[in-house]
Amino acid sequence: MACVAVTWARPESTYTDKWDNINVDEILESNRLLKGYVDCLLGKGRCTPDGKALKEALPDALEHECVKCTGKQKSGADKVIRHLVNKRPDLWKELAVKYDPDNIYQARYKDKIDAVKGSA
């Protein structure tokens, strides 16, 4: 989650790189941290500043295939997706219900999602 959390939109062509150096692995390895981000995204808990930025930018990033994401943000997003799909499908499903209730993005990114299945 935090990898995309670097996305506080600004007028330029990319999201801010303010949080590009967040340790995504640390968040993914900590159930407490990961749950905090997921709860923020789901509106079930408080948001850190980077969690709030992620929550605000996520719909735009999904809609426009992360075109405003920096290279680090794209890499981090891939890592998060791989982790959630393979190790936390329960959280992946909750996020999909919230951010993709009509299965638009799951269908659009099906090949990418299928490609990360089984690769941790």
N, C-alpha and C. Protein backbone atom coordinates (compact mmCIF):
# COMPACT_ATOMS: atom_id res chain seq x y z
N MET A 1 0.81 -1.18 0.00
CA MET A 1 0.00 0.00 0.00
C MET A 1 0.86 1.26 0.00
N ALA A 2 1.84 1.25 0.85
CA ALA A 2 2.64 2.45 1.00
C ALA A 2 3.35 2.83 -0.28
N CYS A 3 3.62 1.84 -1.11
CA CYS A 3 4.32 2.17 -2.35
C CYS A 3 3.50 3.12 -3.20
N VAL A 4 2.23 2.96 -3.15
CA VAL A 4 1.39 3.88 -3.90
C VAL A 4 1.09 5.09 -3.05
N ALA A 5 1.42 5.03 -1.78
CA ALA A 5 1.14 6.11 -0.84
C ALA A 5 1.92 7.36 -1.18
N VAL A 6 2.80 7.27 -2.10
CA VAL A 6 3.60 8.40 -2.49
C VAL A 6 2.83 9.32 -3.43
N THR A 7 1.55 9.15 -3.50
CA THR A 7 0.79 9.78 -4.56
C THR A 7 -0.10 10.92 -4.11
N TRP A 8 0.45 11.95 -3.62
CA TRP A 8 -0.33 13.15 -3.33
C TRP A 8 -0.30 13.97 -4.61
N ALA A 9 -1.42 14.04 -5.28
CA ALA A 9 -1.46 14.64 -6.62
C ALA A 9 -1.03 16.11 -6.59
N ARG A 10 -0.33 16.50 -7.63
CA ARG A 10 0.06 17.89 -7.82
C ARG A 10 -0.09 18.21 -9.29
N PRO A 11 -0.02 19.47 -9.65
CA PRO A 11 -0.28 19.85 -11.04
C PRO A 11 0.67 19.24 -12.06
N GLU A 12 1.90 18.87 -11.67
CA GLU A 12 2.84 18.32 -12.63
C GLU A 12 2.33 16.99 -13.18
N SER A 13 3.13 16.37 -14.02
CA SER A 13 2.69 15.16 -14.70
C SER A 13 2.79 13.89 -13.86
N THR A 14 3.44 13.97 -12.69
CA THR A 14 3.52 12.80 -11.82
C THR A 14 3.06 13.16 -10.42
N TYR A 15 2.73 12.12 -9.65
CA TYR A 15 2.42 12.32 -8.24
C TYR A 15 3.72 12.72 -7.54
N THR A 16 3.60 13.34 -6.41
CA THR A 16 4.80 13.75 -5.67
C THR A 16 5.66 12.54 -5.32
N ASP A 17 6.95 12.77 -5.31
CA ASP A 17 7.87 11.70 -4.93
C ASP A 17 8.25 11.80 -3.45
N LYS A 18 7.47 12.57 -2.71
CA LYS A 18 7.75 12.84 -1.30
C LYS A 18 7.94 11.55 -0.49
N TRP A 19 7.17 10.51 -0.80
CA TRP A 19 7.23 9.28 -0.02
C TRP A 19 7.86 8.12 -0.81
N ASP A 20 8.63 8.43 -1.83
CA ASP A 20 9.23 7.38 -2.66
C ASP A 20 10.20 6.49 -1.89
N ASN A 21 10.73 6.96 -0.79
CA ASN A 21 11.71 6.17 -0.04
C ASN A 21 11.12 5.42 1.14
N ILE A 22 9.81 5.29 1.18
CA ILE A 22 9.17 4.49 2.22
C ILE A 22 9.59 3.04 2.02
N ASN A 23 9.87 2.36 3.12
CA ASN A 23 10.29 0.96 3.07
C ASN A 23 9.05 0.07 2.92
N VAL A 24 8.69 -0.23 1.71
CA VAL A 24 7.51 -1.03 1.42
C VAL A 24 7.62 -2.42 2.02
N ASP A 25 8.81 -3.01 1.98
CA ASP A 25 9.01 -4.35 2.54
C ASP A 25 8.69 -4.38 4.02
N GLU A 26 9.11 -3.34 4.74
CA GLU A 26 8.84 -3.27 6.18
C GLU A 26 7.34 -3.26 6.44
N ILE A 27 6.60 -2.54 5.64
CA ILE A 27 5.15 -2.47 5.81
C ILE A 27 4.51 -3.81 5.49
N LEU A 28 4.93 -4.42 4.41
CA LEU A 28 4.35 -5.70 4.01
C LEU A 28 4.67 -6.82 5.00
N GLU A 29 5.82 -6.73 5.66
CA GLU A 29 6.22 -7.76 6.62
C GLU A 29 5.59 -7.58 7.99
N SER A 30 4.97 -6.42 8.22
CA SER A 30 4.36 -6.13 9.52
C SER A 30 2.84 -6.17 9.40
N ASN A 31 2.24 -7.14 10.03
CA ASN A 31 0.78 -7.22 9.99
C ASN A 31 0.14 -5.94 10.53
N ARG A 32 0.73 -5.37 11.58
CA ARG A 32 0.19 -4.16 12.18
C ARG A 32 0.23 -2.99 11.20
N LEU A 33 1.37 -2.78 10.57
CA LEU A 33 1.49 -1.67 9.62
C LEU A 33 0.59 -1.88 8.40
N LEU A 34 0.62 -3.08 7.86
CA LEU A 34 -0.19 -3.37 6.68
C LEU A 34 -1.67 -3.19 6.98
N LYS A 35 -2.10 -3.71 8.13
CA LYS A 35 -3.50 -3.56 8.51
C LYS A 35 -3.87 -2.09 8.67
N GLY A 36 -2.96 -1.29 9.20
CA GLY A 36 -3.21 0.14 9.35
C GLY A 36 -3.47 0.81 8.01
N TYR A 37 -2.67 0.48 7.02
CA TYR A 37 -2.88 1.05 5.68
C TYR A 37 -4.19 0.57 5.07
N VAL A 38 -4.45 -0.72 5.18
CA VAL A 38 -5.67 -1.28 4.61
C VAL A 38 -6.89 -0.68 5.30
N ASP A 39 -6.85 -0.59 6.62
CA ASP A 39 -7.97 0.00 7.35
C ASP A 39 -8.20 1.45 6.93
N CYS A 40 -7.12 2.18 6.71
CA CYS A 40 -7.23 3.55 6.21
C CYS A 40 -7.93 3.57 4.86
N LEU A 41 -7.45 2.74 3.95
CA LEU A 41 -8.03 2.71 2.60
C LEU A 41 -9.50 2.30 2.60
N LEU A 42 -9.86 1.44 3.56
CA LEU A 42 -11.24 0.97 3.63
C LEU A 42 -12.14 1.89 4.45
N GLY A 43 -11.56 2.94 5.02
CA GLY A 43 -12.34 3.85 5.84
C GLY A 43 -12.68 3.28 7.20
N LYS A 44 -11.90 2.30 7.65
CA LYS A 44 -12.14 1.64 8.93
C LYS A 44 -11.22 2.14 10.03
N GLY A 45 -10.27 2.97 9.69
CA GLY A 45 -9.31 3.44 10.68
C GLY A 45 -8.72 4.77 10.29
N ARG A 46 -7.88 5.27 11.19
CA ARG A 46 -7.22 6.55 10.96
C ARG A 46 -6.16 6.39 9.88
N CYS A 47 -5.89 7.48 9.21
CA CYS A 47 -4.90 7.48 8.14
C CYS A 47 -3.68 8.31 8.53
N THR A 48 -2.50 7.78 8.25
CA THR A 48 -1.28 8.56 8.35
C THR A 48 -1.29 9.52 7.16
N PRO A 49 -0.42 10.53 7.14
CA PRO A 49 -0.39 11.42 5.97
C PRO A 49 -0.16 10.68 4.66
N ASP A 50 0.73 9.69 4.65
CA ASP A 50 0.96 8.96 3.41
C ASP A 50 -0.21 8.04 3.09
N GLY A 51 -0.87 7.50 4.10
CA GLY A 51 -2.07 6.71 3.87
C GLY A 51 -3.19 7.54 3.28
N LYS A 52 -3.32 8.76 3.78
CA LYS A 52 -4.34 9.68 3.26
C LYS A 52 -4.05 10.02 1.80
N ALA A 53 -2.77 10.26 1.49
CA ALA A 53 -2.39 10.56 0.11
C ALA A 53 -2.70 9.39 -0.81
N LEU A 54 -2.40 8.20 -0.34
CA LEU A 54 -2.70 6.99 -1.12
C LEU A 54 -4.20 6.87 -1.36
N LYS A 55 -4.97 7.06 -0.31
CA LYS A 55 -6.43 6.94 -0.41
C LYS A 55 -7.00 7.93 -1.41
N GLU A 56 -6.44 9.13 -1.46
CA GLU A 56 -6.92 10.14 -2.39
C GLU A 56 -6.49 9.86 -3.83
N ALA A 57 -5.31 9.30 -4.01
CA ALA A 57 -4.77 9.11 -5.36
C ALA A 57 -5.12 7.75 -5.97
N LEU A 58 -5.45 6.78 -5.15
CA LEU A 58 -5.67 5.43 -5.65
C LEU A 58 -6.73 5.34 -6.75
N PRO A 59 -7.88 5.97 -6.61
CA PRO A 59 -8.87 5.88 -7.70
C PRO A 59 -8.33 6.41 -9.03
N ASP A 60 -7.59 7.52 -8.99
CA ASP A 60 -7.02 8.08 -10.22
C ASP A 60 -5.95 7.14 -10.79
N ALA A 61 -5.12 6.59 -9.92
CA ALA A 61 -4.06 5.68 -10.38
C ALA A 61 -4.67 4.44 -11.03
N LEU A 62 -5.73 3.91 -10.44
CA LEU A 62 -6.40 2.74 -11.03
C LEU A 62 -7.03 3.08 -12.38
N GLU A 63 -7.71 4.20 -12.41
CA GLU A 63 -8.42 4.61 -13.63
C GLU A 63 -7.47 4.86 -14.79
N HIS A 64 -6.30 5.45 -14.49
CA HIS A 64 -5.39 5.87 -15.55
C HIS A 64 -4.10 5.05 -15.61
N GLU A 65 -4.17 3.82 -15.10
CA GLU A 65 -3.06 2.87 -15.20
C GLU A 65 -1.75 3.42 -14.64
N CYS A 66 -1.87 4.21 -13.58
CA CYS A 66 -0.71 4.72 -12.84
C CYS A 66 0.21 5.57 -13.72
N VAL A 67 -0.35 6.28 -14.68
CA VAL A 67 0.50 7.07 -15.58
C VAL A 67 1.20 8.21 -14.86
N LYS A 68 0.65 8.67 -13.74
CA LYS A 68 1.28 9.75 -12.98
C LYS A 68 2.25 9.21 -11.93
N CYS A 69 2.39 7.89 -11.84
CA CYS A 69 3.29 7.29 -10.85
C CYS A 69 4.74 7.42 -11.28
N THR A 70 5.61 7.65 -10.31
CA THR A 70 7.05 7.63 -10.59
C THR A 70 7.47 6.17 -10.76
N GLY A 71 8.68 5.97 -11.21
CA GLY A 71 9.19 4.60 -11.36
C GLY A 71 9.18 3.84 -10.05
N LYS A 72 9.58 4.50 -8.97
CA LYS A 72 9.58 3.85 -7.65
C LYS A 72 8.15 3.51 -7.22
N GLN A 73 7.21 4.37 -7.53
CA GLN A 73 5.82 4.11 -7.16
C GLN A 73 5.28 2.91 -7.92
N LYS A 74 5.60 2.81 -9.20
CA LYS A 74 5.16 1.66 -9.99
C LYS A 74 5.78 0.37 -9.47
N SER A 75 7.06 0.43 -9.16
CA SER A 75 7.74 -0.74 -8.63
C SER A 75 7.15 -1.15 -7.28
N GLY A 76 6.90 -0.19 -6.43
CA GLY A 76 6.29 -0.46 -5.14
C GLY A 76 4.89 -1.01 -5.28
N ALA A 77 4.12 -0.45 -6.20
CA ALA A 77 2.76 -0.94 -6.42
C ALA A 77 2.78 -2.39 -6.87
N ASP A 78 3.70 -2.74 -7.76
CA ASP A 78 3.83 -4.12 -8.21
C ASP A 78 4.15 -5.04 -7.03
N LYS A 79 5.04 -4.61 -6.15
CA LYS A 79 5.42 -5.40 -4.99
C LYS A 79 4.22 -5.61 -4.06
N VAL A 80 3.46 -4.56 -3.85
CA VAL A 80 2.29 -4.64 -2.97
C VAL A 80 1.24 -5.57 -3.57
N ILE A 81 0.98 -5.43 -4.85
CA ILE A 81 -0.01 -6.29 -5.52
C ILE A 81 0.42 -7.75 -5.42
N ARG A 82 1.68 -8.02 -5.71
CA ARG A 82 2.21 -9.39 -5.65
C ARG A 82 2.02 -9.95 -4.23
N HIS A 83 2.32 -9.15 -3.23
CA HIS A 83 2.18 -9.60 -1.83
C HIS A 83 0.72 -9.86 -1.48
N LEU A 84 -0.15 -8.93 -1.80
CA LEU A 84 -1.56 -9.09 -1.44
C LEU A 84 -2.21 -10.26 -2.17
N VAL A 85 -1.95 -10.39 -3.45
CA VAL A 85 -2.54 -11.46 -4.24
C VAL A 85 -2.10 -12.83 -3.72
N ASN A 86 -0.81 -12.95 -3.38
CA ASN A 86 -0.26 -14.25 -3.00
C ASN A 86 -0.30 -14.56 -1.50
N LYS A 87 -0.16 -13.54 -0.68
CA LYS A 87 -0.04 -13.80 0.75
C LYS A 87 -1.20 -13.27 1.59
N ARG A 88 -1.94 -12.32 1.06
CA ARG A 88 -3.06 -11.75 1.81
C ARG A 88 -4.27 -11.57 0.90
N PRO A 89 -4.75 -12.66 0.29
CA PRO A 89 -5.90 -12.54 -0.62
C PRO A 89 -7.14 -12.00 0.09
N ASP A 90 -7.23 -12.18 1.40
CA ASP A 90 -8.35 -11.62 2.15
C ASP A 90 -8.35 -10.10 2.07
N LEU A 91 -7.19 -9.49 2.22
CA LEU A 91 -7.09 -8.03 2.13
C LEU A 91 -7.28 -7.57 0.69
N TRP A 92 -6.72 -8.33 -0.25
CA TRP A 92 -6.88 -8.00 -1.67
C TRP A 92 -8.37 -7.95 -2.03
N LYS A 93 -9.13 -8.94 -1.54
CA LYS A 93 -10.55 -9.00 -1.83
C LYS A 93 -11.30 -7.81 -1.22
N GLU A 94 -10.98 -7.47 0.03
CA GLU A 94 -11.63 -6.33 0.67
C GLU A 94 -11.37 -5.04 -0.10
N LEU A 95 -10.12 -4.85 -0.52
CA LEU A 95 -9.78 -3.65 -1.27
C LEU A 95 -10.47 -3.64 -2.64
N ALA A 96 -10.56 -4.81 -3.26
CA ALA A 96 -11.24 -4.90 -4.56
C ALA A 96 -12.71 -4.55 -4.43
N VAL A 97 -13.35 -5.01 -3.37
CA VAL A 97 -14.77 -4.70 -3.16
C VAL A 97 -14.96 -3.19 -3.02
N LYS A 98 -14.05 -2.55 -2.31
CA LYS A 98 -14.15 -1.10 -2.08
C LYS A 98 -13.81 -0.29 -3.34
N TYR A 99 -12.70 -0.63 -3.99
CA TYR A 99 -12.20 0.20 -5.09
C TYR A 99 -12.55 -0.32 -6.49
N ASP A 100 -13.13 -1.50 -6.56
CA ASP A 100 -13.50 -2.07 -7.85
C ASP A 100 -14.77 -2.91 -7.73
N PRO A 101 -15.85 -2.31 -7.23
CA PRO A 101 -17.08 -3.09 -7.00
C PRO A 101 -17.68 -3.67 -8.27
N ASP A 102 -17.41 -3.06 -9.41
CA ASP A 102 -17.96 -3.54 -10.67
C ASP A 102 -16.97 -4.40 -11.45
N ASN A 103 -15.84 -4.73 -10.82
CA ASN A 103 -14.84 -5.60 -11.41
C ASN A 103 -14.21 -5.03 -12.69
N ILE A 104 -14.22 -3.74 -12.80
CA ILE A 104 -13.66 -3.08 -13.99
C ILE A 104 -12.14 -3.24 -14.03
N TYR A 105 -11.48 -2.91 -12.92
CA TYR A 105 -10.02 -2.95 -12.89
C TYR A 105 -9.49 -4.38 -12.81
N GLN A 106 -10.21 -5.24 -12.10
CA GLN A 106 -9.79 -6.65 -12.05
C GLN A 106 -9.77 -7.22 -13.47
N ALA A 107 -10.76 -6.85 -14.26
CA ALA A 107 -10.81 -7.33 -15.65
C ALA A 107 -9.72 -6.66 -16.49
N ARG A 108 -9.56 -5.35 -16.32
CA ARG A 108 -8.58 -4.60 -17.11
C ARG A 108 -7.15 -5.10 -16.85
N TYR A 109 -6.86 -5.41 -15.59
CA TYR A 109 -5.52 -5.82 -15.20
C TYR A 109 -5.39 -7.32 -14.99
N LYS A 110 -6.33 -8.09 -15.53
CA LYS A 110 -6.36 -9.53 -15.31
C LYS A 110 -5.02 -10.21 -15.66
N ASP A 111 -4.46 -9.89 -16.81
CA ASP A 111 -3.20 -10.50 -17.22
C ASP A 111 -2.08 -10.19 -16.23
N LYS A 112 -2.02 -8.94 -15.76
CA LYS A 112 -0.99 -8.56 -14.81
C LYS A 112 -1.19 -9.26 -13.47
N ILE A 113 -2.43 -9.36 -13.03
CA ILE A 113 -2.73 -10.03 -11.76
C ILE A 113 -2.40 -11.51 -11.87
N ASP A 114 -2.82 -12.12 -12.97
CA ASP A 114 -2.52 -13.55 -13.18
C ASP A 114 -1.01 -13.79 -13.23
N ALA A 115 -0.27 -12.84 -13.78
CA ALA A 115 1.18 -13.00 -13.91
C ALA A 115 1.89 -13.00 -12.57
N VAL A 116 1.32 -12.33 -11.56
CA VAL A 116 1.99 -12.28 -10.26
C VAL A 116 1.54 -13.41 -9.34
N LYS A 117 0.47 -14.10 -9.70
CA LYS A 117 0.00 -15.20 -8.85
C LYS A 117 1.07 -16.27 -8.76
N GLY A 118 1.36 -16.66 -7.52
CA GLY A 118 2.36 -17.69 -7.30
C GLY A 118 3.78 -17.19 -7.26
N SER A 119 3.97 -15.90 -7.52
CA SER A 119 5.33 -15.34 -7.44
C SER A 119 5.38 -14.34 -6.29
N ALA A 120 5.95 -14.77 -5.21
CA ALA A 120 5.99 -13.91 -4.02
C ALA A 120 7.08 -12.93 -4.05
